[in-house]
Protein backbone atom coordinates (compact mmCIF):
# COMPACT_ATOMS: atom_id res chain seq x y z
CA MET A 1 86.49 103.53 91.65
CA ASN A 2 83.80 102.19 94.06
CA ASP A 3 83.90 102.26 97.88
CA VAL A 4 85.24 98.77 99.93
CA ARG A 5 83.89 98.47 103.30
CA ILE A 6 84.35 96.37 106.41
CA ALA A 7 81.10 94.78 106.90
CA ALA A 8 81.83 92.41 109.97
CA VAL A 9 84.58 91.14 112.02
CA SER A 10 84.46 88.03 114.51
CA LYS A 11 86.48 85.81 116.67
CA GLN A 12 87.05 82.30 117.65
CA LEU A 13 89.00 81.24 120.23
CA PRO A 14 90.37 77.32 121.09
CA ASP A 15 88.91 74.98 123.63
CA TYR A 16 91.97 75.68 125.85
CA SER A 17 92.89 77.99 127.61
CA ARG A 18 95.31 78.76 130.91
CA GLU A 19 96.29 81.90 132.61
CA THR A 20 100.01 82.79 132.48
CA LYS A 21 100.50 81.94 136.09
CA ASP A 22 99.49 78.41 135.71
CA ILE A 23 101.76 77.85 132.98
CA LEU A 24 104.85 78.47 134.88
CA PRO A 25 104.80 75.27 136.62
CA LEU A 26 104.65 73.50 133.05
CA VAL A 27 107.68 76.14 132.00
CA GLU A 28 109.68 74.60 134.97
CA MET A 29 109.30 71.45 134.41
CA TRP A 30 110.51 71.66 130.60
CA LEU A 31 113.41 73.94 131.88
CA GLY A 32 114.27 71.26 134.68
CA ASP A 33 117.73 70.38 133.25
CA GLN A 34 118.93 73.87 132.42
CA GLU A 35 120.58 76.00 134.82
CA GLU A 36 118.80 77.79 137.83
CA ARG A 37 119.98 81.35 136.32
CA PHE A 38 118.50 80.54 132.77
CA ARG A 39 115.28 79.13 134.59
CA ARG A 40 114.86 82.24 136.51
CA LYS A 41 115.10 84.35 133.40
CA VAL A 42 112.97 82.61 131.35
CA LEU A 43 110.15 82.64 133.82
CA LYS A 44 111.09 86.44 134.45
CA ILE A 45 110.25 86.94 130.56
CA PHE A 46 106.83 85.06 131.13
CA GLU A 47 105.81 86.95 133.82
CA GLY A 48 106.92 89.99 132.49
CA ALA A 49 105.48 89.52 128.82
CA ALA A 50 102.17 91.30 129.40
CA VAL A 51 99.96 88.23 128.73
CA ASP A 52 97.85 87.40 131.43
CA LYS A 53 96.07 84.27 129.41
CA ARG A 54 96.33 82.39 126.39
CA TYR A 55 94.27 79.99 124.34
CA SER A 56 95.74 76.84 122.40
CA ILE A 57 94.69 73.98 120.06
CA MET A 58 95.75 71.57 122.80
CA ALA A 59 95.91 71.17 126.30
CA PRO A 60 99.23 73.04 127.63
CA GLU A 61 100.71 69.57 128.75
CA GLU A 62 100.15 68.29 125.34
CA VAL A 63 102.25 71.43 124.16
CA PHE A 64 104.98 70.41 126.39
CA THR A 65 105.32 67.08 125.28
CA ALA A 66 107.88 65.71 122.74
CA THR A 67 106.24 65.01 119.72
CA SER A 68 106.79 64.60 116.07
CA PHE A 69 106.79 67.33 113.65
CA GLU A 70 103.87 65.43 111.77
CA GLU A 71 102.07 64.50 115.14
CA LYS A 72 101.78 68.33 116.03
CA ASN A 73 101.02 69.44 112.38
CA ALA A 74 97.96 66.91 112.50
CA ILE A 75 96.67 68.32 115.15
CA TYR A 76 97.39 71.76 113.51
CA VAL A 77 95.26 70.65 110.71
CA ARG A 78 92.56 69.20 112.23
CA GLU A 79 91.93 71.95 114.72
CA VAL A 80 92.78 74.94 112.23
CA LYS A 81 89.80 73.42 109.88
CA LYS A 82 87.03 73.51 112.67
CA LEU A 83 88.17 77.14 113.64
CA GLY A 84 88.27 78.45 109.92
CA THR A 85 84.81 77.04 109.37
CA LYS A 86 83.39 78.29 112.92
CA VAL A 87 84.85 82.10 112.83
CA LEU A 88 83.06 82.34 109.16
CA GLN A 89 79.94 80.90 110.18
CA ASN A 90 80.35 83.66 112.99
CA ALA A 91 80.81 86.54 110.86
CA LEU A 92 78.14 85.50 108.43
CA SER A 93 75.71 85.56 110.87
CA ALA A 94 76.90 88.68 112.35
CA ALA A 95 76.55 90.18 108.71
CA THR A 96 73.48 88.29 108.18
CA TRP A 97 75.31 86.73 104.82
CA GLY A 98 74.39 83.97 103.06
CA THR A 99 77.30 81.23 102.67
CA ASP A 100 76.28 81.34 98.65
CA SER A 101 77.10 84.95 98.56
CA ILE A 102 80.76 85.13 98.75
CA ASP A 103 82.63 86.10 95.91
CA TYR A 104 86.25 85.59 96.92
CA ILE A 105 88.10 83.88 100.16
CA ILE A 106 91.60 84.45 101.70
CA THR A 107 92.66 82.38 104.17
CA VAL A 108 95.70 83.24 106.32
CA SER A 109 97.99 81.04 108.13
CA CYS A 110 101.88 80.59 108.86
CA THR A 111 101.84 78.15 111.67
CA GLY A 112 101.44 74.61 110.02
CA ILE A 113 101.49 73.19 106.60
CA MET A 114 98.53 72.01 104.45
CA ILE A 115 97.69 71.00 101.03
CA PRO A 116 94.88 71.55 99.83
CA SER A 117 94.87 74.89 101.75
CA LEU A 118 92.41 75.67 104.56
CA ASP A 119 90.03 77.64 102.07
CA ALA A 120 89.14 74.27 100.49
CA TYR A 121 88.08 72.65 103.63
CA ILE A 122 85.82 75.87 104.37
CA ILE A 123 84.04 75.94 101.05
CA ASN A 124 83.15 72.13 101.30
CA ASP A 125 82.16 72.45 105.02
CA LEU A 126 79.78 75.63 104.48
CA GLY A 127 78.95 74.88 100.78
CA LEU A 128 80.42 77.94 99.34
CA ARG A 129 79.85 78.50 95.47
CA GLN A 130 81.95 76.45 92.84
CA ASP A 131 83.16 79.61 91.65
CA VAL A 132 84.51 81.48 94.80
CA VAL A 133 87.77 82.35 94.18
CA ARG A 134 90.69 81.68 96.44
CA LEU A 135 93.28 82.97 97.92
CA PRO A 136 95.74 81.52 100.74
CA VAL A 137 98.08 83.39 102.19
CA THR A 138 100.77 81.47 104.15
CA GLU A 139 104.33 82.79 104.64
CA MET A 140 103.87 86.23 105.34
CA GLY A 141 103.50 85.80 109.49
CA CYS A 142 102.24 88.37 111.75
CA ALA A 143 101.56 91.04 108.91
CA ALA A 144 99.09 88.47 106.78
CA GLY A 145 95.75 89.66 108.39
CA VAL A 146 96.80 93.22 106.92
CA SER A 147 97.92 91.82 103.83
CA GLY A 148 94.97 90.05 103.42
CA LEU A 149 93.01 93.16 103.95
CA ILE A 150 94.78 94.93 101.54
CA TYR A 151 94.05 91.72 99.07
CA ALA A 152 90.76 92.35 99.40
CA HIS A 153 90.59 95.99 98.91
CA ASN A 154 92.46 95.39 95.62
CA PHE A 155 89.93 92.71 94.13
CA LEU A 156 86.99 94.52 95.74
CA ARG A 157 87.87 98.12 94.19
CA SER A 158 88.17 96.34 90.64
CA ASN A 159 85.13 94.22 91.04
CA PRO A 160 81.90 96.19 92.21
CA GLY A 161 79.01 94.39 93.95
CA LYS A 162 81.35 91.74 95.32
CA ARG A 163 81.85 89.96 98.96
CA VAL A 164 85.11 88.95 100.17
CA ALA A 165 85.71 86.67 103.57
CA LEU A 166 89.31 86.92 104.91
CA VAL A 167 89.64 84.20 107.64
CA ALA A 168 93.14 84.25 109.60
CA VAL A 169 93.77 80.66 111.73
CA GLU A 170 96.83 80.86 113.64
CA SER A 171 98.41 77.96 116.19
CA PRO A 172 101.78 79.46 117.37
CA THR A 173 101.66 76.15 120.02
CA ALA A 174 101.65 73.85 117.22
CA THR A 175 105.14 75.24 116.29
CA PHE A 176 106.44 75.05 119.79
CA GLN A 177 110.36 73.22 120.13
CA LEU A 178 110.73 71.79 123.08
CA ASN A 179 114.69 70.82 122.64
CA ASP A 180 115.35 74.68 121.31
CA TYR A 181 116.72 76.76 124.37
CA SER A 182 117.23 79.89 122.57
CA MET A 183 116.10 83.30 123.35
CA ALA A 184 114.06 83.50 120.41
CA ASN A 185 111.96 80.37 121.50
CA MET A 186 111.71 81.55 124.59
CA VAL A 187 109.99 84.76 124.11
CA SER A 188 107.91 83.60 121.60
CA ALA A 189 106.66 80.72 123.82
CA ALA A 190 105.63 83.72 126.34
CA ILE A 191 104.05 85.96 124.08
CA PHE A 192 102.10 83.67 121.61
CA GLY A 193 98.56 82.01 121.81
CA ASP A 194 96.02 80.63 119.30
CA GLY A 195 92.89 81.97 117.85
CA ALA A 196 91.09 82.63 114.69
CA ALA A 197 89.09 85.75 113.10
CA CYS A 198 87.41 86.53 109.91
CA VAL A 199 86.65 89.96 108.38
CA LEU A 200 83.80 90.41 105.63
CA LEU A 201 84.29 92.94 103.13
CA SER A 202 81.84 94.28 100.61
CA SER A 203 82.18 96.55 97.35
CA GLU A 204 78.23 96.31 97.27
CA GLU A 205 76.45 100.11 96.91
CA ASP A 206 74.62 99.39 99.68
CA ALA A 207 77.57 98.19 101.86
CA VAL A 208 77.72 99.79 105.77
CA GLY A 209 81.04 100.07 107.88
CA PRO A 210 84.30 101.57 107.67
CA LYS A 211 85.58 102.31 104.32
CA ILE A 212 89.00 101.36 103.12
CA VAL A 213 90.62 104.69 102.15
CA GLY A 214 93.93 102.62 100.80
CA GLY A 215 96.35 100.01 101.74
CA GLU A 216 100.06 99.60 101.15
CA MET A 217 102.77 97.58 101.95
CA TYR A 218 106.59 98.52 103.14
CA HIS A 219 109.70 96.27 102.21
CA PHE A 220 112.53 96.70 104.60
CA THR A 221 115.49 96.03 102.43
CA TYR A 222 117.99 93.34 103.42
CA ALA A 223 116.41 92.33 106.56
CA THR A 224 115.05 88.81 105.91
CA GLN A 225 116.95 87.75 108.73
CA MET A 226 114.77 89.63 111.37
CA MET A 227 111.87 87.09 111.59
CA GLY A 228 110.40 84.18 110.37
CA PHE A 229 110.77 79.89 110.85
CA ASP A 230 113.57 77.55 109.70
CA LEU A 231 111.70 74.40 108.75
CA THR A 232 113.84 71.92 110.84
CA ASN A 233 113.15 67.82 111.04
CA HIS A 234 111.59 69.11 114.20
CA GLY A 235 109.15 71.49 113.07
CA LEU A 236 109.10 75.49 112.28
CA LYS A 237 111.58 76.95 114.36
CA MET A 238 110.96 80.58 115.51
CA ILE A 239 113.54 83.36 114.32
CA LEU A 240 113.30 86.59 116.08
CA ASP A 241 116.09 89.31 116.09
CA PRO A 242 116.12 91.44 119.22
CA ALA A 243 116.53 94.26 117.23
CA VAL A 244 112.90 94.23 115.68
CA PRO A 245 111.71 97.44 117.83
CA GLU A 246 114.67 99.42 117.05
CA THR A 247 114.54 98.61 113.51
CA ILE A 248 111.00 99.42 113.37
CA ALA A 249 111.77 102.90 115.19
CA SER A 250 114.23 103.66 112.59
CA HIS A 251 111.88 103.30 109.71
CA PHE A 252 108.77 104.83 111.58
CA PRO A 253 108.52 107.78 109.94
CA ASP A 254 108.98 106.54 106.51
CA ILE A 255 106.21 103.99 107.00
CA VAL A 256 103.58 106.20 108.37
CA HIS A 257 103.75 109.72 107.06
CA PRO A 258 104.15 109.16 103.40
CA PHE A 259 101.56 106.76 103.10
CA LEU A 260 98.90 108.89 104.93
CA ALA A 261 99.72 112.26 102.65
CA ARG A 262 99.59 109.90 99.48
CA HIS A 263 95.88 109.04 100.83
CA GLY A 264 95.22 112.96 101.47
CA SER A 265 95.77 112.63 105.30
CA SER A 266 98.28 113.19 108.45
CA ILE A 267 98.48 111.86 111.57
CA GLU A 268 96.63 114.37 113.24
CA ASN A 269 93.60 113.35 111.62
CA VAL A 270 93.93 109.55 112.34
CA SER A 271 91.87 109.16 115.63
CA HIS A 272 92.38 105.48 115.94
CA LEU A 273 95.51 103.19 115.98
CA ILE A 274 94.54 99.80 115.21
CA PHE A 275 97.82 97.96 115.77
CA HIS A 276 99.40 94.59 115.83
CA PRO A 277 100.56 93.26 119.48
CA GLY A 278 103.63 91.68 118.60
CA GLY A 279 104.86 91.54 121.82
CA LYS A 280 105.40 93.48 125.04
CA LYS A 281 108.66 95.50 123.45
CA ILE A 282 107.00 96.38 120.07
CA VAL A 283 103.86 97.59 121.77
CA GLN A 284 106.27 99.89 123.87
CA THR A 285 108.39 100.88 121.30
CA VAL A 286 105.05 101.88 119.12
CA GLU A 287 103.46 103.31 121.96
CA ASP A 288 106.45 105.79 122.30
CA LEU A 289 106.20 106.51 118.74
CA PHE A 290 102.64 107.53 118.65
CA GLY A 291 102.89 108.64 122.22
CA ALA A 292 104.63 111.47 121.16
CA LEU A 293 102.34 112.25 118.49
CA GLY A 294 99.35 112.30 121.37
CA LYS A 295 98.00 108.98 120.32
CA ASN A 296 97.40 105.48 122.37
CA ILE A 297 97.24 102.17 121.33
CA ASP A 298 95.06 100.83 124.64
CA ASP A 299 93.36 98.39 122.62
CA THR A 300 96.42 96.86 121.12
CA ARG A 301 97.92 96.35 124.80
CA GLU A 302 94.48 95.15 125.89
CA VAL A 303 94.20 92.39 123.14
CA LEU A 304 98.05 91.39 123.74
CA ARG A 305 97.16 90.78 127.53
CA LEU A 306 93.94 88.97 127.16
CA TYR A 307 94.80 86.57 124.40
CA GLY A 308 98.82 86.76 123.72
CA ASN A 309 99.99 87.26 120.16
CA MET A 310 98.05 85.20 117.83
CA SER A 311 100.19 85.89 114.63
CA SER A 312 98.09 87.22 111.61
CA ALA A 313 94.62 87.13 113.78
CA THR A 314 95.87 89.48 116.49
CA VAL A 315 95.38 92.85 114.86
CA LEU A 316 91.91 91.49 113.27
CA TYR A 317 90.70 91.26 117.01
CA VAL A 318 92.26 94.53 117.67
CA LEU A 319 89.96 95.93 114.73
CA GLU A 320 87.04 93.96 116.29
CA ARG A 321 87.15 96.03 119.47
CA PHE A 322 86.84 99.15 117.00
CA LEU A 323 83.84 97.99 115.19
CA GLU A 324 82.42 97.35 118.40
CA LYS A 325 82.81 101.24 119.51
CA GLU A 326 80.52 104.47 118.87
CA ILE A 327 82.99 105.90 116.49
CA GLU A 328 81.78 109.24 114.50
CA ALA A 329 81.38 109.59 111.04
CA GLY A 330 84.48 110.97 108.95
CA GLU A 331 86.96 109.86 111.60
CA GLN A 332 90.09 107.63 110.54
CA GLY A 333 91.89 104.79 111.89
CA LEU A 334 95.33 103.42 110.93
CA ILE A 335 95.67 99.86 110.74
CA LEU A 336 99.48 98.63 111.19
CA SER A 337 101.38 95.37 111.33
CA PHE A 338 104.91 93.83 110.81
CA GLY A 339 105.94 90.79 109.55
CA PRO A 340 108.66 88.56 107.90
CA GLY A 341 110.11 90.00 104.90
CA PHE A 342 110.87 92.17 106.99
CA SER A 343 107.93 94.66 106.05
CA ALA A 344 105.31 96.59 107.38
CA GLN A 345 101.72 96.66 105.97
CA ARG A 346 99.24 99.29 106.45
CA VAL A 347 95.41 100.52 105.84
CA LEU A 348 93.67 103.30 106.35
CA LEU A 349 90.03 103.43 107.22
CA GLU A 350 87.11 106.19 107.46
CA TRP A 351 83.75 105.75 109.48
């Protein structure tokens, strides 16, 4: 089998951004009719979410304006096309790859609906080849960035000398529900932000960058109610079970140790943790579990602070930080994310 390497990772942020402290007055206005105790509780959630700033495809005032699902989704479609094209361009120039050299394009998004999928527009906008293989990944939520890496790895392992572009574009703000006062909606509004990321991978003999040793998925049986969206007449309504952190904790040893053992490694050999920042509580849970093993997830916490949770794209922002570091040859990194299903996706890297 030939090696699969990560050639480049890049990001692209939308035009609008606001610090959390500047969003609080909008939240107060939105919750104006709610009882004061509830309002105070929600503001505390925003203040304690460990997110200092977030980006969005529309002005924050627009996010808090009542519009139809159709109108919000139209903004999503318009903006993700721009972000997807731009982020792939960023990555191609970082790797000095021509647009006509991409053999396989994977696009990832779960925060809006568009058919044809995003990849079709990127192919036209950037002039990708007519025989490029398309794979849109649409319903795997926060885990889909890692799912995309696994699909890319599988394709490249069986196809030497090929190149893959993985493009993740998400706009959770386009799914924000103005009339949903559930805790799931409050928590997701407090942690989510918009953003795009792109990873370029190659199975060429002269490819450089960290090597993917292996990638696997882990399915939590009978846990479909843990996380996802309900499709309502008002749009995509957030489902988020408060038991997610403890569910992860109970499965954690089964998720991490057998996977590493199958690839001839162990947690002792893994120097770098590239974990998806799902939210403050999940980060804390995973930090406690890894901390007990003498590891840290500082980069994960920092990405959450700077951008919030951008669903599938977020873990790729963490990955980008590791590609910018000076890492010794032979050192290993574990990429890990969780998403609807309920599932855990993991990839083992070696520099």
